[in-house]
C-alpha atoms as a PDB file:
ATOM      1  CA  MET A   1     -52.017  50.887-108.136  1.00  0.00           C
ATOM      2  CA  PHE A   2     -54.436  48.422-106.599  1.00  0.00           C
ATOM      3  CA  PRO A   3     -55.126  44.968-108.091  1.00  0.00           C
ATOM      4  CA  ASP A   4     -58.573  46.117-109.255  1.00  0.00           C
ATOM      5  CA  ASP A   5     -56.952  49.032-111.076  1.00  0.00           C
ATOM      6  CA  LYS A   6     -54.609  46.626-112.864  1.00  0.00           C
ATOM      7  CA  LYS A   7     -57.546  44.423-113.852  1.00  0.00           C
ATOM      8  CA  LEU A   8     -59.349  47.466-115.245  1.00  0.00           C
ATOM      9  CA  GLN A   9     -56.209  48.479-117.112  1.00  0.00           C
ATOM     10  CA  LEU A  10     -55.929  44.960-118.546  1.00  0.00           C
ATOM     11  CA  GLU A  11     -59.577  44.999-119.645  1.00  0.00           C
ATOM     12  CA  LYS A  12     -59.113  48.423-121.272  1.00  0.00           C
ATOM     13  CA  LEU A  13     -56.007  47.297-123.156  1.00  0.00           C
ATOM     14  CA  ARG A  14     -57.768  44.142-124.330  1.00  0.00           C
ATOM     15  CA  ALA A  15     -60.738  46.213-125.492  1.00  0.00           C
ATOM     16  CA  ASP A  16     -58.326  48.449-127.417  1.00  0.00           C
ATOM     17  CA  VAL A  17     -56.782  45.374-129.057  1.00  0.00           C
ATOM     18  CA  ASP A  18     -60.261  44.104-129.983  1.00  0.00           C
ATOM     19  CA  VAL A  19     -61.002  47.385-131.770  1.00  0.00           C
ATOM     20  CA  ILE A  20     -57.667  47.256-133.591  1.00  0.00           C
ATOM     21  CA  ASP A  21     -58.301  43.621-134.609  1.00  0.00           C
ATOM     22  CA  LYS A  22     -61.637  44.583-136.179  1.00  0.00           C
ATOM     23  CA  LYS A  23     -59.947  47.425-138.071  1.00  0.00           C
ATOM     24  CA  LEU A  24     -57.219  45.065-139.262  1.00  0.00           C
ATOM     25  CA  ALA A  25     -59.837  42.574-140.475  1.00  0.00           C
ATOM     26  CA  ALA A  26     -61.635  45.317-142.412  1.00  0.00           C
ATOM     27  CA  ILE A  27     -58.364  46.529-143.936  1.00  0.00           C
ATOM     28  CA  LEU A  28     -57.422  42.971-144.913  1.00  0.00           C
ATOM     29  CA  ASP A  29     -60.846  42.489-146.504  1.00  0.00           C
ATOM     30  CA  SER A  30     -60.347  45.695-148.494  1.00  0.00           C
ATOM     31  CA  ARG A  31     -56.908  44.486-149.577  1.00  0.00           C
ATOM     32  CA  MET A  32     -58.397  41.174-150.709  1.00  0.00           C
ATOM     33  CA  GLU A  33     -61.023  43.059-152.731  1.00  0.00           C
ATOM     34  CA  LYS A  34     -58.211  44.911-154.548  1.00  0.00           C
ATOM     35  CA  SER A  35     -56.323  41.654-154.978  1.00  0.00           C
ATOM     36  CA  SER A  36     -59.408  40.101-156.551  1.00  0.00           C
ATOM     37  CA  ALA A  37     -59.651  42.958-159.048  1.00  0.00           C
ATOM     38  CA  ILE A  38     -55.929  42.615-159.785  1.00  0.00           C
ATOM     39  CA  GLY A  39     -56.377  38.905-160.444  1.00  0.00           C
ATOM     40  CA  LEU A  40     -59.190  39.564-162.918  1.00  0.00           C
ATOM     41  CA  LEU A  41     -57.061  42.133-164.746  1.00  0.00           C
ATOM     42  CA  LYS A  42     -54.129  39.712-164.845  1.00  0.00           C
ATOM     43  CA  LYS A  43     -56.427  37.147-166.479  1.00  0.00           C
ATOM     44  CA  GLU A  44     -57.650  39.676-169.054  1.00  0.00           C
ATOM     45  CA  LEU A  45     -54.046  40.650-169.794  1.00  0.00           C
ATOM     46  CA  GLY A  46     -52.952  37.018-170.071  1.00  0.00           C
ATOM     47  CA  MET A  47     -50.534  37.380-167.167  1.00  0.00           C
ATOM     48  CA  ASP A  48     -49.506  34.751-164.629  1.00  0.00           C
ATOM     49  CA  LEU A  49     -51.117  35.169-161.242  1.00  0.00           C
ATOM     50  CA  HIS A  50     -47.800  34.631-159.470  1.00  0.00           C
ATOM     51  CA  SER A  51     -45.433  37.588-159.763  1.00  0.00           C
ATOM     52  CA  PRO A  52     -42.214  37.013-157.784  1.00  0.00           C
ATOM     53  CA  ASP A  53     -40.913  40.513-158.574  1.00  0.00           C
ATOM     54  CA  ARG A  54     -44.081  42.081-157.193  1.00  0.00           C
ATOM     55  CA  GLU A  55     -43.908  39.923-154.065  1.00  0.00           C
ATOM     56  CA  LYS A  56     -40.297  40.949-153.524  1.00  0.00           C
ATOM     57  CA  TYR A  57     -41.309  44.591-153.925  1.00  0.00           C
ATOM     58  CA  ILE A  58     -44.143  44.216-151.377  1.00  0.00           C
ATOM     59  CA  LEU A  59     -41.882  42.559-148.806  1.00  0.00           C
ATOM     60  CA  ASN A  60     -39.128  45.137-149.304  1.00  0.00           C
ATOM     61  CA  ASN A  61     -41.648  47.974-149.148  1.00  0.00           C
ATOM     62  CA  ILE A  62     -43.218  46.900-145.856  1.00  0.00           C
ATOM     63  CA  THR A  63     -39.907  46.148-144.179  1.00  0.00           C
ATOM     64  CA  ALA A  64     -38.569  49.581-145.130  1.00  0.00           C
ATOM     65  CA  VAL A  65     -40.915  51.029-142.512  1.00  0.00           C
ATOM     66  CA  SER A  66     -39.286  51.422-139.122  1.00  0.00           C
ATOM     67  CA  LEU A  67     -41.559  49.953-136.466  1.00  0.00           C
ATOM     68  CA  GLU A  68     -41.003  49.808-132.734  1.00  0.00           C
ATOM     69  CA  PHE A  69     -42.727  46.601-131.671  1.00  0.00           C
ATOM     70  CA  ILE A  70     -42.622  44.281-134.675  1.00  0.00           C
ATOM     71  CA  SER A  71     -39.501  43.010-136.364  1.00  0.00           C
ATOM     72  CA  SER A  72     -38.949  42.981-140.104  1.00  0.00           C
ATOM     73  CA  GLU A  73     -38.879  39.184-140.030  1.00  0.00           C
ATOM     74  CA  SER A  74     -42.227  38.998-138.246  1.00  0.00           C
ATOM     75  CA  LEU A  75     -43.701  41.477-140.699  1.00  0.00           C
ATOM     76  CA  LYS A  76     -42.414  39.401-143.616  1.00  0.00           C
ATOM     77  CA  LYS A  77     -44.058  36.281-142.163  1.00  0.00           C
ATOM     78  CA  ILE A  78     -47.374  38.076-141.799  1.00  0.00           C
ATOM     79  CA  PHE A  79     -47.235  39.497-145.309  1.00  0.00           C
ATOM     80  CA  ARG A  80     -46.165  36.152-146.754  1.00  0.00           C
ATOM     81  CA  ILE A  81     -49.464  34.765-145.457  1.00  0.00           C
ATOM     82  CA  ILE A  82     -51.381  37.760-146.826  1.00  0.00           C
ATOM     83  CA  ILE A  83     -49.737  37.325-150.244  1.00  0.00           C
ATOM     84  CA  ASP A  84     -50.411  33.582-150.236  1.00  0.00           C
ATOM     85  CA  GLU A  85     -54.079  34.148-149.389  1.00  0.00           C
ATOM     86  CA  SER A  86     -54.343  36.809-152.095  1.00  0.00           C
ATOM     87  CA  LEU A  87     -52.932  34.398-154.668  1.00  0.00           C
ATOM     88  CA  ALA A  88     -55.281  31.654-153.467  1.00  0.00           C
ATOM     89  CA  LEU A  89     -58.262  33.996-153.914  1.00  0.00           C
ATOM     90  CA  GLN A  90     -57.089  34.977-157.390  1.00  0.00           C
ATOM     91  CA  ALA A  91     -56.607  31.318-158.340  1.00  0.00           C
ATOM     92  CA  ARG A  92     -60.097  30.364-157.085  1.00  0.00           C
ATOM     93  CA  GLU A  93     -61.676  33.204-159.018  1.00  0.00           C
ATOM     94  CA  TYR A  94     -59.610  32.366-162.097  1.00  0.00           C
ATOM     95  CA  GLU A  95     -60.858  28.769-161.960  1.00  0.00           C
ATOM     96  CA  GLU A  96     -64.454  29.878-161.404  1.00  0.00           C
ATOM     97  CA  ARG A  97     -64.329  32.189-164.403  1.00  0.00           C
ATOM     98  CA  ASN A  98     -62.727  29.499-166.566  1.00  0.00           C
ATOM     99  CA  SER A  99     -65.442  27.008-165.632  1.00  0.00           C
ATOM    100  CA  ASP A 100     -68.132  29.630-166.333  1.00  0.00           C
ATOM    101  CA  GLU A 101     -66.690  30.254-169.789  1.00  0.00           C
ATOM    102  CA  GLU A 102     -66.715  26.565-170.738  1.00  0.00           C
END
């Protein structure tokens, strides 16, 4: 393979990653939409936003999947951030609704 071929291969792989990144962003946005709805239901039900049992379930569920290129620990770190951001969104919306009701 010539150097130009390797550069083309690199560009193609990077373009593939760019497409995947956009899909991931859209999936994360969809997840946050569901999380928002969950937060509103929790408020209506008088539940705490933070649910350690649910978080444990999520982390166990995603690490039960056997993946080739990402470790369980890395996956847990990523999902810890996703969970934290979901809770932050729910808390913001909870506060906004409380201030609207006052």
